[in-house]
């Protein structure tokens, strides 16, 4: 996971906070997360003055919003994830969303959705005998040939050779 800043300690604290948020809720976890957030705030406040100009998301944009959008895509990669809808979920304009999303993840929103769909395709190819055309349709590809091209670019092999290799 890449963040929108290049501060190693800040990134480590942010990763730890995110990891804790995915654990089951408990009173101890909530206290720990609160302390980690306070530590991250203190670190950011004492950090170099160049931090603000390096593109760190300001209070107007929370990294939670990016992760909320990313989780929605990961949960349902087959859904229609238009740029306008994702930006609306984050509460910012589509052009600003593109900039912030790319800065935070290293890829455009479209690339992220495509990657999530192709990762789900790999899972489906490995775990089922569902026909390729049906997988392509279920994951929102315009055609089976579009799915084949995208999969080959992503995995370095065709979906059929990937399935054959996984099932052998």
Protein backbone atom coordinates (compact mmCIF):
# COMPACT_ATOMS: atom_id res chain seq x y z
CA UNK A 1 0.00 0.00 0.00
CA UNK A 2 1.36 3.40 -0.99
CA UNK A 3 0.38 6.58 0.78
CA UNK A 4 0.24 10.15 -0.43
CA UNK A 5 3.37 11.07 1.48
CA UNK A 6 6.93 9.81 1.62
CA UNK A 7 7.59 9.97 5.36
CA UNK A 8 8.64 6.47 6.55
CA UNK A 9 7.53 6.93 10.17
CA UNK A 10 4.27 8.56 9.13
CA UNK A 11 3.61 5.75 6.65
CA UNK A 12 4.39 3.11 9.30
CA UNK A 13 2.03 4.74 11.78
CA UNK A 14 -0.70 5.02 9.14
CA UNK A 15 -0.26 1.36 8.14
CA UNK A 16 -0.49 0.29 11.78
CA UNK A 17 -3.66 2.31 12.26
CA UNK A 18 -5.22 0.74 9.15
CA UNK A 19 -4.21 -2.75 10.26
CA UNK A 20 -5.84 -2.19 13.64
CA UNK A 21 -9.04 -0.87 12.07
CA UNK A 22 -9.50 -4.20 10.27
CA UNK A 23 -9.30 -6.15 13.55
CA UNK A 24 -12.42 -6.93 15.60
CA UNK A 25 -13.66 -3.97 17.60
CA UNK A 26 -12.86 -3.91 21.31
CA UNK A 27 -12.29 -1.29 23.95
CA UNK A 28 -8.56 -1.99 24.00
CA UNK A 29 -8.32 -1.72 20.21
CA UNK A 30 -10.15 1.60 20.22
CA UNK A 31 -7.79 3.02 22.86
CA UNK A 32 -4.76 1.75 20.91
CA UNK A 33 -6.03 3.23 17.62
CA UNK A 34 -6.73 6.54 19.33
CA UNK A 35 -3.20 6.61 20.74
CA UNK A 36 -1.73 5.76 17.32
CA UNK A 37 -3.75 8.54 15.70
CA UNK A 38 -2.51 10.97 18.34
CA UNK A 39 1.07 9.82 17.66
CA UNK A 40 0.58 10.33 13.91
CA UNK A 41 -0.89 13.80 14.49
CA UNK A 42 2.03 14.74 16.73
CA UNK A 43 4.53 13.42 14.19
CA UNK A 44 2.87 15.38 11.39
CA UNK A 45 2.78 18.57 13.43
CA UNK A 46 6.47 18.43 14.29
CA UNK A 47 7.47 17.26 10.78
CA UNK A 48 9.31 19.42 8.26
CA UNK A 49 7.50 22.40 6.75
CA UNK A 50 7.81 20.77 3.31
CA UNK A 51 5.27 18.10 4.31
CA UNK A 52 2.33 20.35 3.42
CA UNK A 53 3.68 21.10 -0.03
CA UNK A 54 4.50 17.44 -0.75
CA UNK A 55 0.86 16.68 -1.41
CA UNK A 56 -0.22 15.15 1.91
CA UNK A 57 -4.03 15.14 1.96
CA UNK A 58 -5.37 18.01 4.04
CA UNK A 59 -8.23 17.89 6.49
CA UNK A 60 -10.58 18.59 3.58
CA UNK A 61 -9.73 15.14 2.30
CA UNK A 62 -9.43 12.16 4.60
CA UNK A 63 -7.53 9.01 3.69
CA UNK A 64 -10.53 7.21 5.16
CA UNK A 65 -12.52 8.35 2.13
CA UNK A 66 -10.00 6.81 -0.27
CA UNK A 67 -10.02 3.55 1.67
CA UNK A 68 -13.81 3.59 1.73
CA UNK A 69 -13.86 3.81 -2.08
CA UNK A 70 -11.14 1.16 -2.39
CA UNK A 71 -13.07 -1.20 -0.11
CA UNK A 72 -16.25 -0.68 -2.13
CA UNK A 73 -14.37 -1.62 -5.31
CA UNK A 74 -12.74 -4.64 -3.64
CA UNK A 75 -16.08 -5.90 -2.31
CA UNK A 76 -17.88 -5.60 -5.64
CA UNK A 77 -15.41 -5.24 -8.52
CA UNK A 78 -18.12 -6.26 -10.99
CA UNK A 79 -20.25 -3.21 -10.14
CA UNK A 80 -20.27 -0.05 -12.20
CA UNK A 81 -17.63 2.15 -10.59
CA UNK A 82 -17.78 5.36 -12.56
CA UNK A 83 -15.35 8.13 -11.79
CA UNK A 84 -18.24 10.43 -10.91
CA UNK A 85 -19.69 7.91 -8.43
CA UNK A 86 -16.35 7.25 -6.75
CA UNK A 87 -15.65 10.99 -6.49
CA UNK A 88 -19.12 11.54 -5.02
CA UNK A 89 -18.44 8.83 -2.42
CA UNK A 90 -15.25 10.67 -1.48
CA UNK A 91 -17.05 14.01 -1.50
CA UNK A 92 -14.76 15.75 -4.00
CA UNK A 93 -14.75 16.62 -7.69
CA UNK A 94 -13.83 13.90 -10.20
CA UNK A 95 -10.65 15.66 -11.34
CA UNK A 96 -9.44 16.20 -7.78
CA UNK A 97 -10.38 12.61 -6.91
CA UNK A 98 -8.23 11.33 -9.79
CA UNK A 99 -5.22 13.32 -8.56
CA UNK A 100 -5.58 12.32 -4.92
CA UNK A 101 -6.36 8.67 -5.71
CA UNK A 102 -3.34 8.34 -8.00
CA UNK A 103 -1.09 10.06 -5.46
CA UNK A 104 -2.32 7.70 -2.72
CA UNK A 105 -2.36 4.41 -4.66
CA UNK A 106 0.04 4.88 -7.56
CA UNK A 107 -2.66 4.13 -10.13
CA UNK A 108 -5.68 5.80 -11.63
CA UNK A 109 -9.17 4.89 -10.37
CA UNK A 110 -9.86 3.10 -13.66
CA UNK A 111 -6.66 1.05 -13.33
CA UNK A 112 -7.58 0.17 -9.75
CA UNK A 113 -11.06 -1.06 -10.74
CA UNK A 114 -9.59 -3.06 -13.63
CA UNK A 115 -6.99 -4.60 -11.31
CA UNK A 116 -9.69 -5.57 -8.78
CA UNK A 117 -11.75 -7.19 -11.54
CA UNK A 118 -8.76 -9.11 -12.86
CA UNK A 119 -7.79 -10.30 -9.39
CA UNK A 120 -11.37 -11.54 -8.92
CA UNK A 121 -11.13 -13.21 -12.34
CA UNK A 122 -7.99 -15.05 -11.21
CA UNK A 123 -9.87 -16.23 -8.15
CA UNK A 124 -12.85 -17.39 -10.22
CA UNK A 125 -10.63 -19.14 -12.76
CA UNK A 126 -8.78 -20.98 -10.00
CA UNK A 127 -11.83 -22.02 -8.03
CA UNK A 128 -14.51 -22.81 -10.59
CA UNK A 129 -15.24 -24.16 -14.04
CA UNK A 130 -17.34 -21.12 -14.96
CA UNK A 131 -16.99 -20.42 -18.70
CA UNK A 132 -14.67 -17.55 -19.68
CA UNK A 133 -17.48 -15.67 -21.40
CA UNK A 134 -19.58 -15.81 -18.25
CA UNK A 135 -16.68 -14.62 -16.08
CA UNK A 136 -16.09 -11.74 -18.49
CA UNK A 137 -19.77 -10.82 -18.36
CA UNK A 138 -20.03 -11.19 -14.57
CA UNK A 139 -17.04 -8.90 -14.02
CA UNK A 140 -18.31 -6.14 -16.29
CA UNK A 141 -16.04 -6.54 -19.32
CA UNK A 142 -17.58 -5.40 -22.59
CA UNK A 143 -16.64 -8.64 -24.35
CA UNK A 144 -14.70 -11.84 -23.88
CA UNK A 145 -11.93 -10.53 -26.15
CA UNK A 146 -11.64 -7.39 -23.98
CA UNK A 147 -11.39 -9.66 -20.93
CA UNK A 148 -8.75 -11.84 -22.63
CA UNK A 149 -6.61 -8.83 -23.61
CA UNK A 150 -6.84 -7.22 -20.18
CA UNK A 151 -6.09 -10.51 -18.43
CA UNK A 152 -3.08 -11.21 -20.66
CA UNK A 153 -1.69 -7.72 -19.95
CA UNK A 154 -2.27 -8.21 -16.22
CA UNK A 155 -1.18 -11.81 -15.67
CA UNK A 156 1.16 -12.36 -18.61
CA UNK A 157 -0.91 -15.27 -19.90
CA UNK A 158 -4.37 -15.94 -21.26
CA UNK A 159 -7.23 -16.81 -18.90
CA UNK A 160 -7.43 -20.34 -20.31
CA UNK A 161 -3.73 -21.03 -19.79
CA UNK A 162 -3.97 -19.54 -16.28
CA UNK A 163 -6.90 -21.85 -15.45
CA UNK A 164 -5.21 -24.88 -16.98
CA UNK A 165 -2.03 -24.22 -15.00
CA UNK A 166 -3.99 -23.74 -11.75
CA UNK A 167 -6.18 -26.80 -12.17
CA UNK A 168 -3.34 -29.16 -13.17
